[in-house]
Amino acid sequence: MDKITELLLKENKILGEISRVYARLDNLLKTEGALNQVLYAIYMEEKATQKIISVNYCIPLQTVNNTVHSLIKKGYIQLIENEKDRRQKIIAFTKEGKEFAKENVEKVIAIEKAAIEKLGMENYSKMIEIEDKYRLALNEEIEKRFSK
């Protein structure tokens, strides 16, 4: 096996492990993945819409929609008219929803920040920069090979 193939194998295993770590965290928080991802996105994004969450967090739009409607039924969020685009409503927490999200999302953020501190900000920043360059290069190669 050549070096690039070995590294690809290692990277894919790491990505799978990271997914498992987050799934374990969801289990410990007693919430399922889509709920935590959507809560996290609403909590982190200013003026989040279902489309923004779907695109920015790579969650299928139907999953976002189902989760949003579940959160509305529980009284955790409400949809507000978006002056810029009436088709896309802004998702806002209710008082109860803000408390629920704070209880869950801030635990996740605290864990993530502690992990980043262990890596060091410089290493983490480099990792993000390199991941983004890889994402762009991967996209470029896909476009080059499949858009004919």
C-alpha atoms as a PDB file:
ATOM      1  CA  MET A   1       0.000   0.000   0.000  1.00  0.00           C
ATOM      2  CA  ASP A   2       1.439   3.381  -0.973  1.00  0.00           C
ATOM      3  CA  LYS A   3       1.802   6.243   1.526  1.00  0.00           C
ATOM      4  CA  ILE A   4      -1.152   8.287   0.179  1.00  0.00           C
ATOM      5  CA  THR A   5      -3.480   5.274   0.396  1.00  0.00           C
ATOM      6  CA  GLU A   6      -2.290   4.585   3.966  1.00  0.00           C
ATOM      7  CA  LEU A   7      -3.020   8.195   4.931  1.00  0.00           C
ATOM      8  CA  LEU A   8      -6.461   8.087   3.265  1.00  0.00           C
ATOM      9  CA  LEU A   9      -7.279   4.939   5.197  1.00  0.00           C
ATOM     10  CA  LYS A  10      -6.116   6.530   8.447  1.00  0.00           C
ATOM     11  CA  GLU A  11      -8.071   9.743   7.787  1.00  0.00           C
ATOM     12  CA  ASN A  12     -11.292   7.887   7.010  1.00  0.00           C
ATOM     13  CA  LYS A  13     -10.931   5.830  10.189  1.00  0.00           C
ATOM     14  CA  ILE A  14     -10.386   9.026  12.199  1.00  0.00           C
ATOM     15  CA  LEU A  15     -13.444  10.676  10.640  1.00  0.00           C
ATOM     16  CA  GLY A  16     -15.482   7.595  11.522  1.00  0.00           C
ATOM     17  CA  GLU A  17     -14.153   7.659  15.076  1.00  0.00           C
ATOM     18  CA  ILE A  18     -15.007  11.351  15.446  1.00  0.00           C
ATOM     19  CA  SER A  19     -18.570  10.531  14.342  1.00  0.00           C
ATOM     20  CA  ARG A  20     -18.672   7.764  16.964  1.00  0.00           C
ATOM     21  CA  VAL A  21     -17.394  10.154  19.644  1.00  0.00           C
ATOM     22  CA  TYR A  22     -20.191  12.614  18.867  1.00  0.00           C
ATOM     23  CA  ALA A  23     -22.738   9.756  18.802  1.00  0.00           C
ATOM     24  CA  ARG A  24     -21.494   8.714  22.252  1.00  0.00           C
ATOM     25  CA  LEU A  25     -21.875  12.291  23.451  1.00  0.00           C
ATOM     26  CA  ASP A  26     -25.443  12.379  22.080  1.00  0.00           C
ATOM     27  CA  ASN A  27     -26.129   9.167  23.998  1.00  0.00           C
ATOM     28  CA  LEU A  28     -24.670  10.588  27.219  1.00  0.00           C
ATOM     29  CA  LEU A  29     -26.778  13.730  26.815  1.00  0.00           C
ATOM     30  CA  LYS A  30     -29.784  11.463  26.148  1.00  0.00           C
ATOM     31  CA  THR A  31     -30.583  13.159  22.848  1.00  0.00           C
ATOM     32  CA  GLU A  32     -30.319  11.888  19.309  1.00  0.00           C
ATOM     33  CA  GLY A  33     -27.833  13.254  16.781  1.00  0.00           C
ATOM     34  CA  ALA A  34     -30.103  15.349  14.583  1.00  0.00           C
ATOM     35  CA  LEU A  35     -31.609  17.076  17.613  1.00  0.00           C
ATOM     36  CA  ASN A  36     -28.185  18.002  19.001  1.00  0.00           C
ATOM     37  CA  GLN A  37     -26.924  19.119  15.598  1.00  0.00           C
ATOM     38  CA  VAL A  38     -29.960  21.337  14.981  1.00  0.00           C
ATOM     39  CA  LEU A  39     -29.876  22.768  18.521  1.00  0.00           C
ATOM     40  CA  TYR A  40     -26.168  23.457  18.112  1.00  0.00           C
ATOM     41  CA  ALA A  41     -26.744  25.197  14.785  1.00  0.00           C
ATOM     42  CA  ILE A  42     -29.579  27.372  16.104  1.00  0.00           C
ATOM     43  CA  TYR A  43     -27.499  28.211  19.169  1.00  0.00           C
ATOM     44  CA  MET A  44     -24.390  29.111  17.153  1.00  0.00           C
ATOM     45  CA  GLU A  45     -25.901  30.749  14.061  1.00  0.00           C
ATOM     46  CA  GLU A  46     -27.394  34.192  14.251  1.00  0.00           C
ATOM     47  CA  LYS A  47     -30.710  34.269  12.383  1.00  0.00           C
ATOM     48  CA  ALA A  48     -30.634  30.589  11.487  1.00  0.00           C
ATOM     49  CA  THR A  49     -33.114  29.266   8.962  1.00  0.00           C
ATOM     50  CA  GLN A  50     -33.757  25.645   8.065  1.00  0.00           C
ATOM     51  CA  LYS A  51     -31.878  26.141   4.803  1.00  0.00           C
ATOM     52  CA  ILE A  52     -28.836  27.687   6.560  1.00  0.00           C
ATOM     53  CA  ILE A  53     -28.729  24.784   9.022  1.00  0.00           C
ATOM     54  CA  SER A  54     -29.071  22.211   6.258  1.00  0.00           C
ATOM     55  CA  VAL A  55     -26.326  23.751   4.115  1.00  0.00           C
ATOM     56  CA  ASN A  56     -23.854  24.800   6.838  1.00  0.00           C
ATOM     57  CA  TYR A  57     -24.122  21.618   8.908  1.00  0.00           C
ATOM     58  CA  CYS A  58     -24.715  19.090   6.084  1.00  0.00           C
ATOM     59  CA  ILE A  59     -27.987  17.873   7.537  1.00  0.00           C
ATOM     60  CA  PRO A  60     -30.684  16.824   5.059  1.00  0.00           C
ATOM     61  CA  LEU A  61     -33.365  19.528   4.820  1.00  0.00           C
ATOM     62  CA  GLN A  62     -36.131  17.037   5.648  1.00  0.00           C
ATOM     63  CA  THR A  63     -34.285  16.032   8.834  1.00  0.00           C
ATOM     64  CA  VAL A  64     -33.907  19.697   9.813  1.00  0.00           C
ATOM     65  CA  ASN A  65     -37.588  20.303   9.063  1.00  0.00           C
ATOM     66  CA  ASN A  66     -38.712  17.306  11.142  1.00  0.00           C
ATOM     67  CA  THR A  67     -36.474  18.325  14.045  1.00  0.00           C
ATOM     68  CA  VAL A  68     -37.629  21.956  13.900  1.00  0.00           C
ATOM     69  CA  HIS A  69     -41.289  20.894  13.983  1.00  0.00           C
ATOM     70  CA  SER A  70     -40.573  18.587  16.917  1.00  0.00           C
ATOM     71  CA  LEU A  71     -38.905  21.476  18.783  1.00  0.00           C
ATOM     72  CA  ILE A  72     -41.870  23.756  17.993  1.00  0.00           C
ATOM     73  CA  LYS A  73     -44.287  21.151  19.444  1.00  0.00           C
ATOM     74  CA  LYS A  74     -42.179  20.997  22.623  1.00  0.00           C
ATOM     75  CA  GLY A  75     -42.319  24.788  22.875  1.00  0.00           C
ATOM     76  CA  TYR A  76     -38.544  25.211  22.505  1.00  0.00           C
ATOM     77  CA  ILE A  77     -38.458  27.289  19.335  1.00  0.00           C
ATOM     78  CA  GLN A  78     -40.617  29.532  17.218  1.00  0.00           C
ATOM     79  CA  LEU A  79     -40.436  30.645  13.612  1.00  0.00           C
ATOM     80  CA  ILE A  80     -40.188  34.376  12.956  1.00  0.00           C
ATOM     81  CA  GLU A  81     -40.883  36.212   9.710  1.00  0.00           C
ATOM     82  CA  ASN A  82     -37.664  36.910   7.796  1.00  0.00           C
ATOM     83  CA  GLU A  83     -37.735  40.412   6.325  1.00  0.00           C
ATOM     84  CA  LYS A  84     -35.013  39.560   3.782  1.00  0.00           C
ATOM     85  CA  ASP A  85     -36.684  36.390   2.474  1.00  0.00           C
ATOM     86  CA  ARG A  86     -40.284  35.648   3.412  1.00  0.00           C
ATOM     87  CA  ARG A  87     -39.913  32.032   2.261  1.00  0.00           C
ATOM     88  CA  GLN A  88     -37.254  31.339   4.889  1.00  0.00           C
ATOM     89  CA  LYS A  89     -38.362  31.876   8.488  1.00  0.00           C
ATOM     90  CA  ILE A  90     -35.808  32.616  11.198  1.00  0.00           C
ATOM     91  CA  ILE A  91     -35.656  30.071  13.994  1.00  0.00           C
ATOM     92  CA  ALA A  92     -35.623  31.569  17.492  1.00  0.00           C
ATOM     93  CA  PHE A  93     -35.557  29.948  20.915  1.00  0.00           C
ATOM     94  CA  THR A  94     -38.355  30.437  23.372  1.00  0.00           C
ATOM     95  CA  LYS A  95     -37.313  31.023  26.987  1.00  0.00           C
ATOM     96  CA  GLU A  96     -37.689  27.287  27.724  1.00  0.00           C
ATOM     97  CA  GLY A  97     -35.871  26.393  24.537  1.00  0.00           C
ATOM     98  CA  LYS A  98     -32.947  28.669  25.364  1.00  0.00           C
ATOM     99  CA  GLU A  99     -32.600  26.930  28.742  1.00  0.00           C
ATOM    100  CA  PHE A 100     -32.832  23.474  27.139  1.00  0.00           C
ATOM    101  CA  ALA A 101     -30.263  24.382  24.484  1.00  0.00           C
ATOM    102  CA  LYS A 102     -27.974  26.026  27.001  1.00  0.00           C
ATOM    103  CA  GLU A 103     -28.069  22.900  29.150  1.00  0.00           C
ATOM    104  CA  ASN A 104     -27.161  20.637  26.204  1.00  0.00           C
ATOM    105  CA  VAL A 105     -25.219  22.736  23.700  1.00  0.00           C
ATOM    106  CA  GLU A 106     -22.992  24.463  26.233  1.00  0.00           C
ATOM    107  CA  LYS A 107     -21.884  21.051  27.517  1.00  0.00           C
ATOM    108  CA  VAL A 108     -20.854  20.115  23.973  1.00  0.00           C
ATOM    109  CA  ILE A 109     -19.090  23.446  23.405  1.00  0.00           C
ATOM    110  CA  ALA A 110     -17.233  23.149  26.731  1.00  0.00           C
ATOM    111  CA  ILE A 111     -16.010  19.663  25.755  1.00  0.00           C
ATOM    112  CA  GLU A 112     -14.972  20.870  22.297  1.00  0.00           C
ATOM    113  CA  LYS A 113     -13.138  23.896  23.726  1.00  0.00           C
ATOM    114  CA  ALA A 114     -11.295  21.724  26.263  1.00  0.00           C
ATOM    115  CA  ALA A 115     -10.211  19.377  23.457  1.00  0.00           C
ATOM    116  CA  ILE A 116      -9.024  22.357  21.393  1.00  0.00           C
ATOM    117  CA  GLU A 117      -7.043  23.670  24.357  1.00  0.00           C
ATOM    118  CA  LYS A 118      -5.291  20.283  24.593  1.00  0.00           C
ATOM    119  CA  LEU A 119      -4.317  20.604  20.931  1.00  0.00           C
ATOM    120  CA  GLY A 120      -3.348  24.250  21.259  1.00  0.00           C
ATOM    121  CA  MET A 121      -4.877  27.085  19.298  1.00  0.00           C
ATOM    122  CA  GLU A 122      -2.058  27.180  16.764  1.00  0.00           C
ATOM    123  CA  ASN A 123      -2.394  23.474  15.941  1.00  0.00           C
ATOM    124  CA  TYR A 124      -6.179  23.709  15.813  1.00  0.00           C
ATOM    125  CA  SER A 125      -6.057  26.740  13.515  1.00  0.00           C
ATOM    126  CA  LYS A 126      -3.616  24.951  11.206  1.00  0.00           C
ATOM    127  CA  MET A 127      -5.821  21.860  11.204  1.00  0.00           C
ATOM    128  CA  ILE A 128      -8.867  23.912  10.186  1.00  0.00           C
ATOM    129  CA  GLU A 129      -6.878  25.708   7.477  1.00  0.00           C
ATOM    130  CA  ILE A 130      -5.547  22.439   6.069  1.00  0.00           C
ATOM    131  CA  GLU A 131      -8.969  20.739   6.213  1.00  0.00           C
ATOM    132  CA  ASP A 132     -10.454  23.634   4.268  1.00  0.00           C
ATOM    133  CA  LYS A 133      -7.694  23.457   1.642  1.00  0.00           C
ATOM    134  CA  TYR A 134      -8.294  19.711   1.336  1.00  0.00           C
ATOM    135  CA  ARG A 135     -12.044  20.289   0.984  1.00  0.00           C
ATOM    136  CA  LEU A 136     -11.436  22.796  -1.821  1.00  0.00           C
ATOM    137  CA  ALA A 137      -8.949  20.513  -3.598  1.00  0.00           C
ATOM    138  CA  LEU A 138     -11.290  17.538  -3.281  1.00  0.00           C
ATOM    139  CA  ASN A 139     -14.181  19.564  -4.704  1.00  0.00           C
ATOM    140  CA  GLU A 140     -11.975  20.791  -7.550  1.00  0.00           C
ATOM    141  CA  GLU A 141     -10.984  17.228  -8.457  1.00  0.00           C
ATOM    142  CA  ILE A 142     -14.599  16.060  -8.364  1.00  0.00           C
ATOM    143  CA  GLU A 143     -15.664  18.949 -10.623  1.00  0.00           C
ATOM    144  CA  LYS A 144     -12.785  18.270 -13.020  1.00  0.00           C
ATOM    145  CA  ARG A 145     -13.619  14.562 -13.334  1.00  0.00           C
ATOM    146  CA  PHE A 146     -17.416  14.641 -13.319  1.00  0.00           C
ATOM    147  CA  SER A 147     -18.563  17.890 -14.929  1.00  0.00           C
ATOM    148  CA  LYS A 148     -18.202  17.182 -18.597  1.00  0.00           C
END
